[in-house]
Amino acid sequence: DTKATGWNNLVFPSVGMPHALWQLQGER
């Protein structure tokens, strides 16, 4: 929730891309 998109990524920290496939994967 600290990121503008509401998402972060372990491989690319602070990536500007949101999780486009989150409805398929769910939240983890």
PDB file of all heavy atoms in Angstrom:
ATOM      1  N   ASP A   1       0.809  -1.223   0.000  1.00  0.00           N
ATOM      2  CA  ASP A   1       0.000   0.000   0.000  1.00  0.00           C
ATOM      3  C   ASP A   1       0.842   1.272   0.000  1.00  0.00           C
ATOM      4  O   ASP A   1       0.304   2.368  -0.182  1.00  0.00           O
ATOM      5  CB  ASP A   1      -0.933   0.001   1.221  1.00  0.00           C
ATOM      6  CG  ASP A   1      -1.978  -1.102   1.142  1.00  0.00           C
ATOM      7  OD1 ASP A   1      -2.311  -1.500   0.015  1.00  0.00           O
ATOM      8  OD2 ASP A   1      -2.437  -1.561   2.205  1.00  0.00           O
ATOM      9  N   THR A   2       2.148   1.143   0.195  1.00  0.00           N
ATOM     10  CA  THR A   2       3.000   2.329   0.163  1.00  0.00           C
ATOM     11  C   THR A   2       3.321   2.756  -1.270  1.00  0.00           C
ATOM     12  O   THR A   2       3.859   3.854  -1.480  1.00  0.00           O
ATOM     13  CB  THR A   2       4.326   2.069   0.903  1.00  0.00           C
ATOM     14  OG1 THR A   2       5.079   1.058   0.219  1.00  0.00           O
ATOM     15  CG2 THR A   2       4.054   1.615   2.333  1.00  0.00           C
ATOM     16  N   LYS A   3       3.025   1.907  -2.255  1.00  0.00           N
ATOM     17  CA  LYS A   3       3.309   2.215  -3.654  1.00  0.00           C
ATOM     18  C   LYS A   3       2.083   2.799  -4.332  1.00  0.00           C
ATOM     19  O   LYS A   3       0.938   2.515  -3.948  1.00  0.00           O
ATOM     20  CB  LYS A   3       3.764   0.963  -4.404  1.00  0.00           C
ATOM     21  CG  LYS A   3       4.968   0.268  -3.772  1.00  0.00           C
ATOM     22  CD  LYS A   3       6.168   1.204  -3.663  1.00  0.00           C
ATOM     23  CE  LYS A   3       7.346   0.531  -2.984  1.00  0.00           C
ATOM     24  NZ  LYS A   3       8.484   1.458  -2.817  1.00  0.00           N
ATOM     25  N   ALA A   4       2.328   3.614  -5.343  1.00  0.00           N
ATOM     26  CA  ALA A   4       1.226   4.296  -6.028  1.00  0.00           C
ATOM     27  C   ALA A   4       0.268   3.316  -6.679  1.00  0.00           C
ATOM     28  O   ALA A   4      -0.938   3.538  -6.715  1.00  0.00           O
ATOM     29  CB  ALA A   4       1.796   5.254  -7.083  1.00  0.00           C
ATOM     30  N   THR A   5       0.793   2.212  -7.193  1.00  0.00           N
ATOM     31  CA  THR A   5      -0.062   1.214  -7.849  1.00  0.00           C
ATOM     32  C   THR A   5      -0.679   0.232  -6.860  1.00  0.00           C
ATOM     33  O   THR A   5      -1.574  -0.528  -7.234  1.00  0.00           O
ATOM     34  CB  THR A   5       0.744   0.419  -8.886  1.00  0.00           C
ATOM     35  OG1 THR A   5       1.788  -0.315  -8.213  1.00  0.00           O
ATOM     36  CG2 THR A   5       1.351   1.331  -9.939  1.00  0.00           C
ATOM     37  N   GLY A   6      -0.194   0.241  -5.613  1.00  0.00           N
ATOM     38  CA  GLY A   6      -0.670  -0.724  -4.631  1.00  0.00           C
ATOM     39  C   GLY A   6       0.037  -2.060  -4.704  1.00  0.00           C
ATOM     40  O   GLY A   6      -0.326  -2.984  -3.978  1.00  0.00           O
ATOM     41  N   TRP A   7       1.069  -2.163  -5.574  1.00  0.00           N
ATOM     42  CA  TRP A   7       1.773  -3.434  -5.765  1.00  0.00           C
ATOM     43  C   TRP A   7       3.280  -3.201  -5.754  1.00  0.00           C
ATOM     44  O   TRP A   7       3.759  -2.125  -6.087  1.00  0.00           O
ATOM     45  CB  TRP A   7       1.374  -4.092  -7.078  1.00  0.00           C
ATOM     46  CG  TRP A   7      -0.062  -4.488  -7.151  1.00  0.00           C
ATOM     47  CD1 TRP A   7      -1.089  -3.762  -7.679  1.00  0.00           C
ATOM     48  CD2 TRP A   7      -0.631  -5.697  -6.654  1.00  0.00           C
ATOM     49  NE1 TRP A   7      -2.271  -4.454  -7.549  1.00  0.00           N
ATOM     50  CE2 TRP A   7      -2.024  -5.643  -6.930  1.00  0.00           C
ATOM     51  CE3 TRP A   7      -0.124  -6.821  -6.013  1.00  0.00           C
ATOM     52  CZ2 TRP A   7      -2.897  -6.672  -6.583  1.00  0.00           C
ATOM     53  CZ3 TRP A   7      -0.995  -7.853  -5.673  1.00  0.00           C
ATOM     54  CH2 TRP A   7      -2.358  -7.768  -5.955  1.00  0.00           C
ATOM     55  N   ASN A   8       3.991  -4.252  -5.390  1.00  0.00           N
ATOM     56  CA  ASN A   8       5.445  -4.249  -5.450  1.00  0.00           C
ATOM     57  C   ASN A   8       5.893  -5.604  -5.983  1.00  0.00           C
ATOM     58  O   ASN A   8       5.071  -6.505  -6.156  1.00  0.00           O
ATOM     59  CB  ASN A   8       6.055  -3.984  -4.071  1.00  0.00           C
ATOM     60  CG  ASN A   8       7.413  -3.333  -4.156  1.00  0.00           C
ATOM     61  OD1 ASN A   8       8.119  -3.458  -5.155  1.00  0.00           O
ATOM     62  ND2 ASN A   8       7.795  -2.619  -3.101  1.00  0.00           N
ATOM     63  N   ASN A   9       7.192  -5.728  -6.252  1.00  0.00           N
ATOM     64  CA  ASN A   9       7.688  -6.966  -6.847  1.00  0.00           C
ATOM     65  C   ASN A   9       9.058  -7.282  -6.260  1.00  0.00           C
ATOM     66  O   ASN A   9       9.908  -6.403  -6.146  1.00  0.00           O
ATOM     67  CB  ASN A   9       7.785  -6.802  -8.366  1.00  0.00           C
ATOM     68  CG  ASN A   9       8.020  -8.114  -9.074  1.00  0.00           C
ATOM     69  OD1 ASN A   9       9.105  -8.674  -9.030  1.00  0.00           O
ATOM     70  ND2 ASN A   9       6.995  -8.613  -9.728  1.00  0.00           N
ATOM     71  N   LEU A  10       9.268  -8.547  -5.902  1.00  0.00           N
ATOM     72  CA  LEU A  10      10.532  -8.940  -5.295  1.00  0.00           C
ATOM     73  C   LEU A  10      11.678  -8.928  -6.295  1.00  0.00           C
ATOM     74  O   LEU A  10      12.825  -8.662  -5.925  1.00  0.00           O
ATOM     75  CB  LEU A  10      10.408 -10.344  -4.686  1.00  0.00           C
ATOM     76  CG  LEU A  10       9.668 -10.460  -3.357  1.00  0.00           C
ATOM     77  CD1 LEU A  10       9.721 -11.888  -2.854  1.00  0.00           C
ATOM     78  CD2 LEU A  10      10.250  -9.510  -2.321  1.00  0.00           C
ATOM     79  N   VAL A  11      11.401  -9.221  -7.548  1.00  0.00           N
ATOM     80  CA  VAL A  11      12.445  -9.249  -8.559  1.00  0.00           C
ATOM     81  C   VAL A  11      12.814  -7.833  -9.001  1.00  0.00           C
ATOM     82  O   VAL A  11      13.970  -7.538  -9.279  1.00  0.00           O
ATOM     83  CB  VAL A  11      12.008 -10.091  -9.770  1.00  0.00           C
ATOM     84  CG1 VAL A  11      13.049 -10.076 -10.872  1.00  0.00           C
ATOM     85  CG2 VAL A  11      11.726 -11.529  -9.342  1.00  0.00           C
ATOM     86  N   PHE A  12      11.812  -6.950  -9.057  1.00  0.00           N
ATOM     87  CA  PHE A  12      12.013  -5.559  -9.487  1.00  0.00           C
ATOM     88  C   PHE A  12      11.381  -4.662  -8.432  1.00  0.00           C
ATOM     89  O   PHE A  12      10.259  -4.196  -8.599  1.00  0.00           O
ATOM     90  CB  PHE A  12      11.362  -5.348 -10.846  1.00  0.00           C
ATOM     91  CG  PHE A  12      11.736  -4.059 -11.532  1.00  0.00           C
ATOM     92  CD1 PHE A  12      11.693  -3.976 -12.908  1.00  0.00           C
ATOM     93  CD2 PHE A  12      12.106  -2.925 -10.822  1.00  0.00           C
ATOM     94  CE1 PHE A  12      12.014  -2.791 -13.564  1.00  0.00           C
ATOM     95  CE2 PHE A  12      12.442  -1.747 -11.452  1.00  0.00           C
ATOM     96  CZ  PHE A  12      12.399  -1.684 -12.832  1.00  0.00           C
ATOM     97  N   PRO A  13      12.090  -4.404  -7.325  1.00  0.00           N
ATOM     98  CA  PRO A  13      11.506  -3.593  -6.245  1.00  0.00           C
ATOM     99  C   PRO A  13      11.106  -2.205  -6.732  1.00  0.00           C
ATOM    100  O   PRO A  13      11.792  -1.587  -7.545  1.00  0.00           O
ATOM    101  CB  PRO A  13      12.649  -3.511  -5.220  1.00  0.00           C
ATOM    102  CG  PRO A  13      13.505  -4.708  -5.503  1.00  0.00           C
ATOM    103  CD  PRO A  13      13.434  -4.900  -6.983  1.00  0.00           C
ATOM    104  N   SER A  14       9.964  -1.730  -6.231  1.00  0.00           N
ATOM    105  CA  SER A  14       9.419  -0.408  -6.565  1.00  0.00           C
ATOM    106  C   SER A  14       9.106  -0.270  -8.049  1.00  0.00           C
ATOM    107  O   SER A  14       9.171   0.831  -8.608  1.00  0.00           O
ATOM    108  CB  SER A  14      10.384   0.707  -6.126  1.00  0.00           C
ATOM    109  OG  SER A  14      10.591   0.663  -4.737  1.00  0.00           O
ATOM    110  N   VAL A  15       8.775  -1.359  -8.692  1.00  0.00           N
ATOM    111  CA  VAL A  15       8.412  -1.301 -10.104  1.00  0.00           C
ATOM    112  C   VAL A  15       7.139  -0.472 -10.274  1.00  0.00           C
ATOM    113  O   VAL A  15       6.256  -0.489  -9.421  1.00  0.00           O
ATOM    114  CB  VAL A  15       8.225  -2.727 -10.671  1.00  0.00           C
ATOM    115  CG1 VAL A  15       7.044  -3.418 -10.002  1.00  0.00           C
ATOM    116  CG2 VAL A  15       8.032  -2.701 -12.178  1.00  0.00           C
ATOM    117  N   GLY A  16       7.063   0.289 -11.365  1.00  0.00           N
ATOM    118  CA  GLY A  16       5.884   1.116 -11.602  1.00  0.00           C
ATOM    119  C   GLY A  16       4.716   0.348 -12.177  1.00  0.00           C
ATOM    120  O   GLY A  16       3.613   0.888 -12.289  1.00  0.00           O
ATOM    121  N   MET A  17       4.930  -0.901 -12.528  1.00  0.00           N
ATOM    122  CA  MET A  17       3.889  -1.718 -13.145  1.00  0.00           C
ATOM    123  C   MET A  17       2.987  -2.347 -12.085  1.00  0.00           C
ATOM    124  O   MET A  17       3.479  -2.938 -11.125  1.00  0.00           O
ATOM    125  CB  MET A  17       4.545  -2.823 -13.982  1.00  0.00           C
ATOM    126  CG  MET A  17       3.591  -3.852 -14.537  1.00  0.00           C
ATOM    127  SD  MET A  17       4.481  -5.126 -15.469  1.00  0.00           S
ATOM    128  CE  MET A  17       3.201  -6.366 -15.638  1.00  0.00           C
ATOM    129  N   PRO A  18       1.667  -2.239 -12.218  1.00  0.00           N
ATOM    130  CA  PRO A  18       0.767  -2.956 -11.297  1.00  0.00           C
ATOM    131  C   PRO A  18       0.697  -4.435 -11.667  1.00  0.00           C
ATOM    132  O   PRO A  18       1.198  -4.850 -12.715  1.00  0.00           O
ATOM    133  CB  PRO A  18      -0.577  -2.264 -11.527  1.00  0.00           C
ATOM    134  CG  PRO A  18      -0.509  -1.786 -12.935  1.00  0.00           C
ATOM    135  CD  PRO A  18       0.927  -1.402 -13.201  1.00  0.00           C
ATOM    136  N   HIS A  19       0.087  -5.202 -10.811  1.00  0.00           N
ATOM    137  CA  HIS A  19      -0.054  -6.642 -11.054  1.00  0.00           C
ATOM    138  C   HIS A  19      -1.281  -6.865 -11.929  1.00  0.00           C
ATOM    139  O   HIS A  19      -2.402  -7.014 -11.441  1.00  0.00           O
ATOM    140  CB  HIS A  19      -0.183  -7.365  -9.724  1.00  0.00           C
ATOM    141  CG  HIS A  19      -0.130  -8.862  -9.842  1.00  0.00           C
ATOM    142  ND1 HIS A  19       0.242  -9.510 -10.999  1.00  0.00           N
ATOM    143  CD2 HIS A  19      -0.414  -9.847  -8.946  1.00  0.00           C
ATOM    144  CE1 HIS A  19       0.194 -10.809 -10.816  1.00  0.00           C
ATOM    145  NE2 HIS A  19      -0.201 -11.034  -9.576  1.00  0.00           N
ATOM    146  N   ALA A  20      -1.063  -6.907 -13.243  1.00  0.00           N
ATOM    147  CA  ALA A  20      -2.186  -7.019 -14.177  1.00  0.00           C
ATOM    148  C   ALA A  20      -2.912  -8.350 -14.072  1.00  0.00           C
ATOM    149  O   ALA A  20      -4.082  -8.454 -14.462  1.00  0.00           O
ATOM    150  CB  ALA A  20      -1.680  -6.814 -15.611  1.00  0.00           C
ATOM    151  N   LEU A  21      -2.253  -9.364 -13.536  1.00  0.00           N
ATOM    152  CA  LEU A  21      -2.837 -10.705 -13.475  1.00  0.00           C
ATOM    153  C   LEU A  21      -3.280 -11.079 -12.058  1.00  0.00           C
ATOM    154  O   LEU A  21      -3.449 -12.256 -11.755  1.00  0.00           O
ATOM    155  CB  LEU A  21      -1.813 -11.737 -13.978  1.00  0.00           C
ATOM    156  CG  LEU A  21      -1.308 -11.525 -15.410  1.00  0.00           C
ATOM    157  CD1 LEU A  21      -0.057 -12.356 -15.664  1.00  0.00           C
ATOM    158  CD2 LEU A  21      -2.383 -11.881 -16.412  1.00  0.00           C
ATOM    159  N   TRP A  22      -3.509 -10.083 -11.219  1.00  0.00           N
ATOM    160  CA  TRP A  22      -3.777 -10.386  -9.814  1.00  0.00           C
ATOM    161  C   TRP A  22      -5.095 -11.127  -9.616  1.00  0.00           C
ATOM    162  O   TRP A  22      -5.240 -11.940  -8.689  1.00  0.00           O
ATOM    163  CB  TRP A  22      -3.764  -9.100  -8.987  1.00  0.00           C
ATOM    164  CG  TRP A  22      -4.991  -8.238  -9.121  1.00  0.00           C
ATOM    165  CD1 TRP A  22      -5.196  -7.261 -10.029  1.00  0.00           C
ATOM    166  CD2 TRP A  22      -6.163  -8.296  -8.313  1.00  0.00           C
ATOM    167  NE1 TRP A  22      -6.437  -6.689  -9.858  1.00  0.00           N
ATOM    168  CE2 TRP A  22      -7.054  -7.317  -8.793  1.00  0.00           C
ATOM    169  CE3 TRP A  22      -6.574  -9.074  -7.226  1.00  0.00           C
ATOM    170  CZ2 TRP A  22      -8.307  -7.096  -8.239  1.00  0.00           C
ATOM    171  CZ3 TRP A  22      -7.812  -8.856  -6.667  1.00  0.00           C
ATOM    172  CH2 TRP A  22      -8.666  -7.875  -7.174  1.00  0.00           C
ATOM    173  N   GLN A  23      -6.068 -10.883 -10.482  1.00  0.00           N
ATOM    174  CA  GLN A  23      -7.344 -11.592 -10.327  1.00  0.00           C
ATOM    175  C   GLN A  23      -7.177 -13.084 -10.604  1.00  0.00           C
ATOM    176  O   GLN A  23      -7.937 -13.902 -10.075  1.00  0.00           O
ATOM    177  CB  GLN A  23      -8.390 -10.989 -11.265  1.00  0.00           C
ATOM    178  CG  GLN A  23      -8.826  -9.586 -10.858  1.00  0.00           C
ATOM    179  CD  GLN A  23      -9.826  -8.987 -11.817  1.00  0.00           C
ATOM    180  OE1 GLN A  23      -9.691  -9.101 -13.037  1.00  0.00           O
ATOM    181  NE2 GLN A  23     -10.846  -8.345 -11.287  1.00  0.00           N
ATOM    182  N   LEU A  24      -6.211 -13.443 -11.416  1.00  0.00           N
ATOM    183  CA  LEU A  24      -5.945 -14.856 -11.685  1.00  0.00           C
ATOM    184  C   LEU A  24      -5.162 -15.498 -10.546  1.00  0.00           C
ATOM    185  O   LEU A  24      -5.417 -16.636 -10.170  1.00  0.00           O
ATOM    186  CB  LEU A  24      -5.169 -15.012 -12.996  1.00  0.00           C
ATOM    187  CG  LEU A  24      -5.784 -14.391 -14.250  1.00  0.00           C
ATOM    188  CD1 LEU A  24      -4.904 -14.660 -15.462  1.00  0.00           C
ATOM    189  CD2 LEU A  24      -7.189 -14.921 -14.490  1.00  0.00           C
ATOM    190  N   GLN A  25      -4.211 -14.741  -9.993  1.00  0.00           N
ATOM    191  CA  GLN A  25      -3.338 -15.293  -8.963  1.00  0.00           C
ATOM    192  C   GLN A  25      -3.867 -15.086  -7.553  1.00  0.00           C
ATOM    193  O   GLN A  25      -3.592 -15.888  -6.659  1.00  0.00           O
ATOM    194  CB  GLN A  25      -1.943 -14.660  -9.074  1.00  0.00           C
ATOM    195  CG  GLN A  25      -0.914 -15.283  -8.151  1.00  0.00           C
ATOM    196  CD  GLN A  25       0.422 -14.579  -8.225  1.00  0.00           C
ATOM    197  OE1 GLN A  25       0.495 -13.378  -8.464  1.00  0.00           O
ATOM    198  NE2 GLN A  25       1.503 -15.322  -8.021  1.00  0.00           N
ATOM    199  N   GLY A  26      -4.640 -14.026  -7.343  1.00  0.00           N
ATOM    200  CA  GLY A  26      -5.022 -13.656  -5.989  1.00  0.00           C
ATOM    201  C   GLY A  26      -3.943 -12.798  -5.355  1.00  0.00           C
ATOM    202  O   GLY A  26      -2.980 -12.388  -6.004  1.00  0.00           O
ATOM    203  N   GLU A  27      -4.100 -12.512  -4.074  1.00  0.00           N
ATOM    204  CA  GLU A  27      -3.123 -11.692  -3.359  1.00  0.00           C
ATOM    205  C   GLU A  27      -2.239 -12.569  -2.489  1.00  0.00           C
ATOM    206  O   GLU A  27      -2.721 -13.481  -1.811  1.00  0.00           O
ATOM    207  CB  GLU A  27      -3.833 -10.653  -2.493  1.00  0.00           C
ATOM    208  CG  GLU A  27      -4.605  -9.620  -3.289  1.00  0.00           C
ATOM    209  CD  GLU A  27      -5.200  -8.540  -2.400  1.00  0.00           C
ATOM    210  OE1 GLU A  27      -4.627  -8.299  -1.316  1.00  0.00           O
ATOM    211  OE2 GLU A  27      -6.215  -7.945  -2.781  1.00  0.00           O
ATOM    212  N   ARG A  28      -0.925 -12.288  -2.527  1.00  0.00           N
ATOM    213  CA  ARG A  28       0.032 -13.037  -1.726  1.00  0.00           C
ATOM    214  C   ARG A  28       0.974 -12.075  -1.007  1.00  0.00           C
ATOM    215  O   ARG A  28       1.157 -10.939  -1.421  1.00  0.00           O
ATOM    216  CB  ARG A  28       0.863 -13.975  -2.606  1.00  0.00           C
ATOM    217  CG  ARG A  28       0.045 -14.946  -3.428  1.00  0.00           C
ATOM    218  CD  ARG A  28       0.916 -16.032  -4.014  1.00  0.00           C
ATOM    219  NE  ARG A  28       1.995 -15.503  -4.852  1.00  0.00           N
ATOM    220  CZ  ARG A  28       2.965 -16.250  -5.361  1.00  0.00           C
ATOM    221  NH1 ARG A  28       3.001 -17.544  -5.106  1.00  0.00           N
ATOM    222  NH2 ARG A  28       3.905 -15.709  -6.130  1.00  0.00           N
TER     223      ARG A  28
END
